[in-house]
PDB file of N, CA and C in Angstrom:
ATOM      1  N   UNK A   1     -31.076 -70.730 -34.553  1.00  0.00           N
ATOM      2  CA  UNK A   1     -32.474 -70.781 -34.957  1.00  0.00           C
ATOM      3  C   UNK A   1     -33.102 -72.135 -34.619  1.00  0.00           C
ATOM      4  N   UNK A   2     -32.308 -73.202 -34.727  1.00  0.00           N
ATOM      5  CA  UNK A   2     -32.857 -74.523 -34.435  1.00  0.00           C
ATOM      6  C   UNK A   2     -33.322 -74.613 -32.978  1.00  0.00           C
ATOM      7  N   UNK A   3     -32.531 -74.056 -32.069  1.00  0.00           N
ATOM      8  CA  UNK A   3     -32.918 -74.080 -30.652  1.00  0.00           C
ATOM      9  C   UNK A   3     -34.212 -73.305 -30.430  1.00  0.00           C
ATOM     10  N   UNK A   4     -34.360 -72.184 -31.108  1.00  0.00           N
ATOM     11  CA  UNK A   4     -35.586 -71.382 -30.990  1.00  0.00           C
ATOM     12  C   UNK A   4     -36.778 -72.180 -31.490  1.00  0.00           C
ATOM     13  N   UNK A   5     -36.630 -72.841 -32.621  1.00  0.00           N
ATOM     14  CA  UNK A   5     -37.721 -73.641 -33.176  1.00  0.00           C
ATOM     15  C   UNK A   5     -38.135 -74.746 -32.209  1.00  0.00           C
ATOM     16  N   UNK A   6     -37.175 -75.473 -31.688  1.00  0.00           N
ATOM     17  CA  UNK A   6     -37.491 -76.548 -30.746  1.00  0.00           C
ATOM     18  C   UNK A   6     -38.173 -75.992 -29.497  1.00  0.00           C
ATOM     19  N   UNK A   7     -37.668 -74.879 -28.986  1.00  0.00           N
ATOM     20  CA  UNK A   7     -38.247 -74.299 -27.773  1.00  0.00           C
ATOM     21  C   UNK A   7     -39.682 -73.821 -28.007  1.00  0.00           C
ATOM     22  N   UNK A   8     -39.881 -73.036 -29.047  1.00  0.00           N
ATOM     23  CA  UNK A   8     -41.202 -72.428 -29.284  1.00  0.00           C
ATOM     24  C   UNK A   8     -42.237 -73.470 -29.699  1.00  0.00           C
ATOM     25  N   UNK A   9     -41.794 -74.513 -30.413  1.00  0.00           N
ATOM     26  CA  UNK A   9     -42.749 -75.494 -30.934  1.00  0.00           C
ATOM     27  C   UNK A   9     -42.936 -76.712 -30.043  1.00  0.00           C
ATOM     28  N   UNK A  10     -41.997 -76.960 -29.130  1.00  0.00           N
ATOM     29  CA  UNK A  10     -42.157 -78.144 -28.273  1.00  0.00           C
ATOM     30  C   UNK A  10     -41.931 -77.865 -26.794  1.00  0.00           C
ATOM     31  N   UNK A  11     -41.196 -76.823 -26.461  1.00  0.00           N
ATOM     32  CA  UNK A  11     -40.812 -76.597 -25.073  1.00  0.00           C
ATOM     33  C   UNK A  11     -41.733 -75.693 -24.297  1.00  0.00           C
ATOM     34  N   UNK A  12     -42.781 -75.225 -24.925  1.00  0.00           N
ATOM     35  CA  UNK A  12     -43.692 -74.312 -24.238  1.00  0.00           C
ATOM     36  C   UNK A  12     -45.132 -74.764 -24.450  1.00  0.00           C
ATOM     37  N   UNK A  13     -46.007 -74.307 -23.563  1.00  0.00           N
ATOM     38  CA  UNK A  13     -47.436 -74.577 -23.765  1.00  0.00           C
ATOM     39  C   UNK A  13     -47.852 -73.940 -25.074  1.00  0.00           C
ATOM     40  N   UNK A  14     -48.715 -74.579 -25.782  1.00  0.00           N
ATOM     41  CA  UNK A  14     -49.192 -74.017 -27.044  1.00  0.00           C
ATOM     42  C   UNK A  14     -48.395 -74.467 -28.252  1.00  0.00           C
ATOM     43  N   UNK A  15     -47.375 -75.263 -28.022  1.00  0.00           N
ATOM     44  CA  UNK A  15     -46.548 -75.719 -29.131  1.00  0.00           C
ATOM     45  C   UNK A  15     -47.333 -76.452 -30.204  1.00  0.00           C
ATOM     46  N   UNK A  16     -48.291 -77.273 -29.788  1.00  0.00           N
ATOM     47  CA  UNK A  16     -49.091 -78.035 -30.751  1.00  0.00           C
ATOM     48  C   UNK A  16     -49.878 -77.100 -31.673  1.00  0.00           C
ATOM     49  N   UNK A  17     -50.454 -76.041 -31.111  1.00  0.00           N
ATOM     50  CA  UNK A  17     -51.190 -75.089 -31.948  1.00  0.00           C
ATOM     51  C   UNK A  17     -50.249 -74.296 -32.846  1.00  0.00           C
ATOM     52  N   UNK A  18     -49.056 -74.010 -32.369  1.00  0.00           N
ATOM     53  CA  UNK A  18     -48.090 -73.291 -33.205  1.00  0.00           C
ATOM     54  C   UNK A  18     -47.658 -74.149 -34.387  1.00  0.00           C
ATOM     55  N   UNK A  19     -47.524 -75.441 -34.144  1.00  0.00           N
ATOM     56  CA  UNK A  19     -47.206 -76.358 -35.242  1.00  0.00           C
ATOM     57  C   UNK A  19     -48.354 -76.387 -36.245  1.00  0.00           C
ATOM     58  N   UNK A  20     -49.576 -76.427 -35.771  1.00  0.00           N
ATOM     59  CA  UNK A  20     -50.740 -76.412 -36.672  1.00  0.00           C
ATOM     60  C   UNK A  20     -50.755 -75.144 -37.519  1.00  0.00           C
ATOM     61  N   UNK A  21     -50.437 -74.025 -36.883  1.00  0.00           N
ATOM     62  CA  UNK A  21     -50.402 -72.748 -37.602  1.00  0.00           C
ATOM     63  C   UNK A  21     -49.307 -72.773 -38.666  1.00  0.00           C
ATOM     64  N   UNK A  22     -48.135 -73.263 -38.315  1.00  0.00           N
ATOM     65  CA  UNK A  22     -47.046 -73.341 -39.303  1.00  0.00           C
ATOM     66  C   UNK A  22     -47.401 -74.255 -40.464  1.00  0.00           C
ATOM     67  N   UNK A  23     -48.032 -75.385 -40.168  1.00  0.00           N
ATOM     68  CA  UNK A  23     -48.465 -76.294 -41.248  1.00  0.00           C
ATOM     69  C   UNK A  23     -49.416 -75.569 -42.195  1.00  0.00           C
ATOM     70  N   UNK A  24     -50.372 -74.860 -41.633  1.00  0.00           N
ATOM     71  CA  UNK A  24     -51.350 -74.141 -42.462  1.00  0.00           C
ATOM     72  C   UNK A  24     -50.668 -73.075 -43.303  1.00  0.00           C
ATOM     73  N   UNK A  25     -49.730 -72.348 -42.709  1.00  0.00           N
ATOM     74  CA  UNK A  25     -49.053 -71.281 -43.452  1.00  0.00           C
ATOM     75  C   UNK A  25     -48.071 -71.835 -44.477  1.00  0.00           C
ATOM     76  N   UNK A  26     -47.620 -73.057 -44.286  1.00  0.00           N
ATOM     77  CA  UNK A  26     -46.777 -73.701 -45.285  1.00  0.00           C
ATOM     78  C   UNK A  26     -47.585 -73.978 -46.552  1.00  0.00           C
ATOM     79  N   UNK A  27     -48.877 -74.274 -46.365  1.00  0.00           N
ATOM     80  CA  UNK A  27     -49.760 -74.509 -47.507  1.00  0.00           C
ATOM     81  C   UNK A  27     -49.990 -73.222 -48.296  1.00  0.00           C
ATOM     82  N   UNK A  28     -50.291 -72.148 -47.550  1.00  0.00           N
ATOM     83  CA  UNK A  28     -50.493 -70.838 -48.177  1.00  0.00           C
ATOM     84  C   UNK A  28     -50.564 -69.764 -47.095  1.00  0.00           C
ATOM     85  N   UNK A  29     -50.111 -68.553 -47.402  1.00  0.00           N
ATOM     86  CA  UNK A  29     -50.218 -67.452 -46.431  1.00  0.00           C
ATOM     87  C   UNK A  29     -51.688 -67.175 -46.108  1.00  0.00           C
ATOM     88  N   UNK A  30     -51.943 -66.782 -44.866  1.00  0.00           N
ATOM     89  CA  UNK A  30     -53.303 -66.480 -44.409  1.00  0.00           C
ATOM     90  C   UNK A  30     -53.252 -65.389 -43.351  1.00  0.00           C
ATOM     91  N   UNK A  31     -54.392 -64.769 -43.114  1.00  0.00           N
ATOM     92  CA  UNK A  31     -54.468 -63.815 -42.008  1.00  0.00           C
ATOM     93  C   UNK A  31     -54.985 -64.544 -40.761  1.00  0.00           C
ATOM     94  N   UNK A  32     -55.003 -63.833 -39.649  1.00  0.00           N
ATOM     95  CA  UNK A  32     -55.380 -64.453 -38.371  1.00  0.00           C
ATOM     96  C   UNK A  32     -56.808 -64.989 -38.400  1.00  0.00           C
ATOM     97  N   UNK A  33     -57.717 -64.262 -39.008  1.00  0.00           N
ATOM     98  CA  UNK A  33     -59.109 -64.701 -39.068  1.00  0.00           C
ATOM     99  C   UNK A  33     -59.240 -65.983 -39.893  1.00  0.00           C
ATOM    100  N   UNK A  34     -58.549 -66.049 -41.012  1.00  0.00           N
ATOM    101  CA  UNK A  34     -58.579 -67.256 -41.843  1.00  0.00           C
ATOM    102  C   UNK A  34     -58.006 -68.448 -41.083  1.00  0.00           C
ATOM    103  N   UNK A  35     -56.910 -68.219 -40.365  1.00  0.00           N
ATOM    104  CA  UNK A  35     -56.318 -69.297 -39.567  1.00  0.00           C
ATOM    105  C   UNK A  35     -57.284 -69.778 -38.492  1.00  0.00           C
ATOM    106  N   UNK A  36     -57.930 -68.840 -37.806  1.00  0.00           N
ATOM    107  CA  UNK A  36     -58.885 -69.213 -36.765  1.00  0.00           C
ATOM    108  C   UNK A  36     -60.004 -70.074 -37.351  1.00  0.00           C
ATOM    109  N   UNK A  37     -60.534 -69.673 -38.488  1.00  0.00           N
ATOM    110  CA  UNK A  37     -61.604 -70.445 -39.136  1.00  0.00           C
ATOM    111  C   UNK A  37     -61.108 -71.805 -39.610  1.00  0.00           C
ATOM    112  N   UNK A  38     -59.979 -71.814 -40.302  1.00  0.00           N
ATOM    113  CA  UNK A  38     -59.463 -73.048 -40.887  1.00  0.00           C
ATOM    114  C   UNK A  38     -59.026 -74.066 -39.837  1.00  0.00           C
ATOM    115  N   UNK A  39     -58.516 -73.584 -38.704  1.00  0.00           N
ATOM    116  CA  UNK A  39     -58.014 -74.485 -37.663  1.00  0.00           C
ATOM    117  C   UNK A  39     -59.010 -74.683 -36.523  1.00  0.00           C
ATOM    118  N   UNK A  40     -60.162 -74.033 -36.628  1.00  0.00           N
ATOM    119  CA  UNK A  40     -61.210 -74.119 -35.601  1.00  0.00           C
ATOM    120  C   UNK A  40     -60.651 -73.738 -34.223  1.00  0.00           C
ATOM    121  N   UNK A  41     -59.968 -72.590 -34.204  1.00  0.00           N
ATOM    122  CA  UNK A  41     -59.411 -72.042 -32.967  1.00  0.00           C
ATOM    123  C   UNK A  41     -60.007 -70.663 -32.724  1.00  0.00           C
ATOM    124  N   UNK A  42     -60.011 -70.243 -31.474  1.00  0.00           N
ATOM    125  CA  UNK A  42     -60.460 -68.906 -31.131  1.00  0.00           C
ATOM    126  C   UNK A  42     -59.515 -67.866 -31.745  1.00  0.00           C
ATOM    127  N   UNK A  43     -60.069 -66.784 -32.241  1.00  0.00           N
ATOM    128  CA  UNK A  43     -59.272 -65.734 -32.879  1.00  0.00           C
ATOM    129  C   UNK A  43     -58.181 -65.210 -31.943  1.00  0.00           C
ATOM    130  N   UNK A  44     -58.523 -64.968 -30.676  1.00  0.00           N
ATOM    131  CA  UNK A  44     -57.531 -64.447 -29.723  1.00  0.00           C
ATOM    132  C   UNK A  44     -56.399 -65.449 -29.483  1.00  0.00           C
ATOM    133  N   UNK A  45     -56.735 -66.721 -29.498  1.00  0.00           N
ATOM    134  CA  UNK A  45     -55.716 -67.762 -29.356  1.00  0.00           C
ATOM    135  C   UNK A  45     -54.751 -67.710 -30.532  1.00  0.00           C
ATOM    136  N   UNK A  46     -55.293 -67.609 -31.728  1.00  0.00           N
ATOM    137  CA  UNK A  46     -54.457 -67.528 -32.942  1.00  0.00           C
ATOM    138  C   UNK A  46     -53.577 -66.287 -32.879  1.00  0.00           C
ATOM    139  N   UNK A  47     -54.153 -65.157 -32.500  1.00  0.00           N
ATOM    140  CA  UNK A  47     -53.367 -63.912 -32.406  1.00  0.00           C
ATOM    141  C   UNK A  47     -52.202 -64.078 -31.432  1.00  0.00           C
ATOM    142  N   UNK A  48     -52.469 -64.697 -30.293  1.00  0.00           N
ATOM    143  CA  UNK A  48     -51.411 -64.916 -29.297  1.00  0.00           C
ATOM    144  C   UNK A  48     -50.276 -65.745 -29.906  1.00  0.00           C
ATOM    145  N   UNK A  49     -50.618 -66.845 -30.546  1.00  0.00           N
ATOM    146  CA  UNK A  49     -49.589 -67.717 -31.122  1.00  0.00           C
ATOM    147  C   UNK A  49     -48.847 -67.023 -32.262  1.00  0.00           C
ATOM    148  N   UNK A  50     -49.548 -66.248 -33.066  1.00  0.00           N
ATOM    149  CA  UNK A  50     -48.881 -65.504 -34.128  1.00  0.00           C
ATOM    150  C   UNK A  50     -47.884 -64.508 -33.538  1.00  0.00           C
ATOM    151  N   UNK A  51     -48.281 -63.853 -32.459  1.00  0.00           N
ATOM    152  CA  UNK A  51     -47.374 -62.907 -31.796  1.00  0.00           C
ATOM    153  C   UNK A  51     -46.117 -63.609 -31.295  1.00  0.00           C
ATOM    154  N   UNK A  52     -46.287 -64.767 -30.656  1.00  0.00           N
ATOM    155  CA  UNK A  52     -45.130 -65.525 -30.157  1.00  0.00           C
ATOM    156  C   UNK A  52     -44.226 -65.929 -31.313  1.00  0.00           C
ATOM    157  N   UNK A  53     -44.820 -66.429 -32.387  1.00  0.00           N
ATOM    158  CA  UNK A  53     -44.035 -66.860 -33.549  1.00  0.00           C
ATOM    159  C   UNK A  53     -43.316 -65.681 -34.202  1.00  0.00           C
ATOM    160  N   UNK A  54     -43.968 -64.533 -34.248  1.00  0.00           N
ATOM    161  CA  UNK A  54     -43.326 -63.333 -34.807  1.00  0.00           C
ATOM    162  C   UNK A  54     -42.191 -62.832 -33.918  1.00  0.00           C
ATOM    163  N   UNK A  55     -42.443 -62.782 -32.617  1.00  0.00           N
ATOM    164  CA  UNK A  55     -41.435 -62.293 -31.669  1.00  0.00           C
ATOM    165  C   UNK A  55     -40.160 -63.138 -31.714  1.00  0.00           C
ATOM    166  N   UNK A  56     -40.302 -64.396 -32.090  1.00  0.00           N
ATOM    167  CA  UNK A  56     -39.161 -65.298 -32.157  1.00  0.00           C
ATOM    168  C   UNK A  56     -38.590 -65.443 -33.566  1.00  0.00           C
ATOM    169  N   UNK A  57     -39.055 -64.605 -34.486  1.00  0.00           N
ATOM    170  CA  UNK A  57     -38.497 -64.581 -35.830  1.00  0.00           C
ATOM    171  C   UNK A  57     -38.869 -65.759 -36.704  1.00  0.00           C
ATOM    172  N   UNK A  58     -39.947 -66.456 -36.335  1.00  0.00           N
ATOM    173  CA  UNK A  58     -40.373 -67.626 -37.099  1.00  0.00           C
ATOM    174  C   UNK A  58     -41.339 -67.229 -38.207  1.00  0.00           C
ATOM    175  N   UNK A  59     -42.190 -66.251 -37.922  1.00  0.00           N
ATOM    176  CA  UNK A  59     -43.146 -65.730 -38.907  1.00  0.00           C
ATOM    177  C   UNK A  59     -42.935 -64.243 -39.107  1.00  0.00           C
ATOM    178  N   UNK A  60     -43.431 -63.766 -40.236  1.00  0.00           N
ATOM    179  CA  UNK A  60     -43.496 -62.324 -40.486  1.00  0.00           C
ATOM    180  C   UNK A  60     -44.857 -62.029 -41.097  1.00  0.00           C
ATOM    181  N   UNK A  61     -45.281 -60.781 -40.961  1.00  0.00           N
ATOM    182  CA  UNK A  61     -46.561 -60.405 -41.565  1.00  0.00           C
ATOM    183  C   UNK A  61     -46.328 -59.397 -42.672  1.00  0.00           C
ATOM    184  N   UNK A  62     -47.281 -59.361 -43.559  1.00  0.00           N
ATOM    185  CA  UNK A  62     -47.259 -58.351 -44.616  1.00  0.00           C
ATOM    186  C   UNK A  62     -48.669 -57.812 -44.733  1.00  0.00           C
ATOM    187  N   UNK A  63     -48.793 -56.519 -44.686  1.00  0.00           N
ATOM    188  CA  UNK A  63     -50.109 -55.904 -44.756  1.00  0.00           C
ATOM    189  C   UNK A  63     -50.430 -55.146 -43.497  1.00  0.00           C
ATOM    190  N   UNK A  64     -51.670 -54.662 -43.445  1.00  0.00           N
ATOM    191  CA  UNK A  64     -52.083 -53.882 -42.293  1.00  0.00           C
ATOM    192  C   UNK A  64     -52.525 -54.794 -41.158  1.00  0.00           C
ATOM    193  N   UNK A  65     -52.842 -54.202 -40.036  1.00  0.00           N
ATOM    194  CA  UNK A  65     -53.092 -54.916 -38.788  1.00  0.00           C
ATOM    195  C   UNK A  65     -54.073 -56.082 -38.919  1.00  0.00           C
ATOM    196  N   UNK A  66     -55.344 -55.802 -39.182  1.00  0.00           N
ATOM    197  CA  UNK A  66     -56.360 -56.851 -39.193  1.00  0.00           C
ATOM    198  C   UNK A  66     -56.176 -57.805 -40.365  1.00  0.00           C
ATOM    199  N   UNK A  67     -55.878 -57.276 -41.526  1.00  0.00           N
ATOM    200  CA  UNK A  67     -55.776 -58.108 -42.725  1.00  0.00           C
ATOM    201  C   UNK A  67     -54.385 -58.634 -42.998  1.00  0.00           C
ATOM    202  N   UNK A  68     -53.451 -58.423 -42.075  1.00  0.00           N
ATOM    203  CA  UNK A  68     -52.067 -58.858 -42.288  1.00  0.00           C
ATOM    204  C   UNK A  68     -52.025 -60.354 -42.590  1.00  0.00           C
ATOM    205  N   UNK A  69     -51.253 -60.692 -43.604  1.00  0.00           N
ATOM    206  CA  UNK A  69     -51.072 -62.076 -44.004  1.00  0.00           C
ATOM    207  C   UNK A  69     -49.736 -62.550 -43.436  1.00  0.00           C
ATOM    208  N   UNK A  70     -49.722 -63.743 -42.901  1.00  0.00           N
ATOM    209  CA  UNK A  70     -48.528 -64.288 -42.247  1.00  0.00           C
ATOM    210  C   UNK A  70     -47.884 -65.372 -43.101  1.00  0.00           C
ATOM    211  N   UNK A  71     -46.548 -65.417 -43.023  1.00  0.00           N
ATOM    212  CA  UNK A  71     -45.795 -66.457 -43.705  1.00  0.00           C
ATOM    213  C   UNK A  71     -44.476 -66.678 -42.979  1.00  0.00           C
ATOM    214  N   UNK A  72     -43.889 -67.855 -43.145  1.00  0.00           N
ATOM    215  CA  UNK A  72     -42.600 -68.122 -42.492  1.00  0.00           C
ATOM    216  C   UNK A  72     -41.524 -67.167 -42.999  1.00  0.00           C
ATOM    217  N   UNK A  73     -40.622 -66.775 -42.111  1.00  0.00           N
ATOM    218  CA  UNK A  73     -39.514 -65.903 -42.502  1.00  0.00           C
ATOM    219  C   UNK A  73     -38.530 -66.689 -43.373  1.00  0.00           C
ATOM    220  N   UNK A  74     -37.673 -65.963 -44.061  1.00  0.00           N
ATOM    221  CA  UNK A  74     -36.627 -66.614 -44.853  1.00  0.00           C
ATOM    222  C   UNK A  74     -35.740 -67.469 -43.949  1.00  0.00           C
ATOM    223  N   UNK A  75     -35.467 -66.958 -42.778  1.00  0.00           N
ATOM    224  CA  UNK A  75     -34.636 -67.690 -41.810  1.00  0.00           C
ATOM    225  C   UNK A  75     -35.290 -69.018 -41.427  1.00  0.00           C
ATOM    226  N   UNK A  76     -36.602 -69.000 -41.215  1.00  0.00           N
ATOM    227  CA  UNK A  76     -37.319 -70.233 -40.897  1.00  0.00           C
ATOM    228  C   UNK A  76     -37.260 -71.186 -42.083  1.00  0.00           C
ATOM    229  N   UNK A  77     -37.440 -70.667 -43.276  1.00  0.00           N
ATOM    230  CA  UNK A  77     -37.387 -71.504 -44.484  1.00  0.00           C
ATOM    231  C   UNK A  77     -36.020 -72.175 -44.632  1.00  0.00           C
ATOM    232  N   UNK A  78     -34.955 -71.476 -44.247  1.00  0.00           N
ATOM    233  CA  UNK A  78     -33.609 -72.062 -44.320  1.00  0.00           C
ATOM    234  C   UNK A  78     -33.475 -73.246 -43.366  1.00  0.00           C
ATOM    235  N   UNK A  79     -34.291 -73.252 -42.315  1.00  0.00           N
ATOM    236  CA  UNK A  79     -34.257 -74.326 -41.318  1.00  0.00           C
ATOM    237  C   UNK A  79     -35.521 -75.179 -41.385  1.00  0.00           C
ATOM    238  N   UNK A  80     -36.156 -75.231 -42.544  1.00  0.00           N
ATOM    239  CA  UNK A  80     -37.434 -75.932 -42.675  1.00  0.00           C
ATOM    240  C   UNK A  80     -37.300 -77.423 -42.386  1.00  0.00           C
ATOM    241  N   UNK A  81     -36.141 -77.992 -42.640  1.00  0.00           N
ATOM    242  CA  UNK A  81     -35.924 -79.406 -42.327  1.00  0.00           C
ATOM    243  C   UNK A  81     -36.126 -79.648 -40.825  1.00  0.00           C
ATOM    244  N   UNK A  82     -35.670 -78.730 -39.997  1.00  0.00           N
ATOM    245  CA  UNK A  82     -35.878 -78.830 -38.548  1.00  0.00           C
ATOM    246  C   UNK A  82     -37.362 -78.715 -38.219  1.00  0.00           C
ATOM    247  N   UNK A  83     -38.047 -77.789 -38.876  1.00  0.00           N
ATOM    248  CA  UNK A  83     -39.493 -77.636 -38.658  1.00  0.00           C
ATOM    249  C   UNK A  83     -40.204 -78.945 -39.000  1.00  0.00           C
ATOM    250  N   UNK A  84     -39.847 -79.561 -40.113  1.00  0.00           N
ATOM    251  CA  UNK A  84     -40.477 -80.827 -40.503  1.00  0.00           C
ATOM    252  C   UNK A  84     -40.165 -81.938 -39.512  1.00  0.00           C
ATOM    253  N   UNK A  85     -38.943 -81.976 -39.000  1.00  0.00           N
ATOM    254  CA  UNK A  85     -38.567 -82.955 -37.988  1.00  0.00           C
ATOM    255  C   UNK A  85     -39.433 -82.784 -36.748  1.00  0.00           C
ATOM    256  N   UNK A  86     -39.625 -81.539 -36.322  1.00  0.00           N
ATOM    257  CA  UNK A  86     -40.465 -81.254 -35.159  1.00  0.00           C
ATOM    258  C   UNK A  86     -41.903 -81.663 -35.426  1.00  0.00           C
ATOM    259  N   UNK A  87     -42.408 -81.343 -36.603  1.00  0.00           N
ATOM    260  CA  UNK A  87     -43.786 -81.698 -36.954  1.00  0.00           C
ATOM    261  C   UNK A  87     -43.985 -83.205 -36.914  1.00  0.00           C
ATOM    262  N   UNK A  88     -43.031 -83.941 -37.423  1.00  0.00           N
ATOM    263  CA  UNK A  88     -43.122 -85.406 -37.412  1.00  0.00           C
ATOM    264  C   UNK A  88     -43.078 -85.947 -35.986  1.00  0.00           C
ATOM    265  N   UNK A  89     -42.212 -85.387 -35.172  1.00  0.00           N
ATOM    266  CA  UNK A  89     -42.061 -85.841 -33.795  1.00  0.00           C
ATOM    267  C   UNK A  89     -43.316 -85.563 -32.964  1.00  0.00           C
ATOM    268  N   UNK A  90     -44.054 -84.520 -33.334  1.00  0.00           N
ATOM    269  CA  UNK A  90     -45.227 -84.097 -32.543  1.00  0.00           C
ATOM    270  C   UNK A  90     -46.539 -84.631 -33.092  1.00  0.00           C
ATOM    271  N   UNK A  91     -46.513 -85.505 -34.067  1.00  0.00           N
ATOM    272  CA  UNK A  91     -47.761 -86.083 -34.608  1.00  0.00           C
ATOM    273  C   UNK A  91     -48.445 -86.954 -33.607  1.00  0.00           C
TER     274      UNK A  91
END
């Protein structure tokens, strides 16, 4: 999981926005529209990053399509120290 976190958050384009999304979701779960508003990002951009984070097992959603709320998976929470290390390194 640590390798996946490093790759998705630092080794690919969009890593900075994915880190911003994770920081926001660490504060509280949100849906894609709330994230777009709160982070001042385009909705489609947020959706793309959420999809990447979900496909890699970093986030999960709960709820229906449009209103689905996102939060870190249990697996991500177990490796949260790595996430924090990455966040600090990317400041």
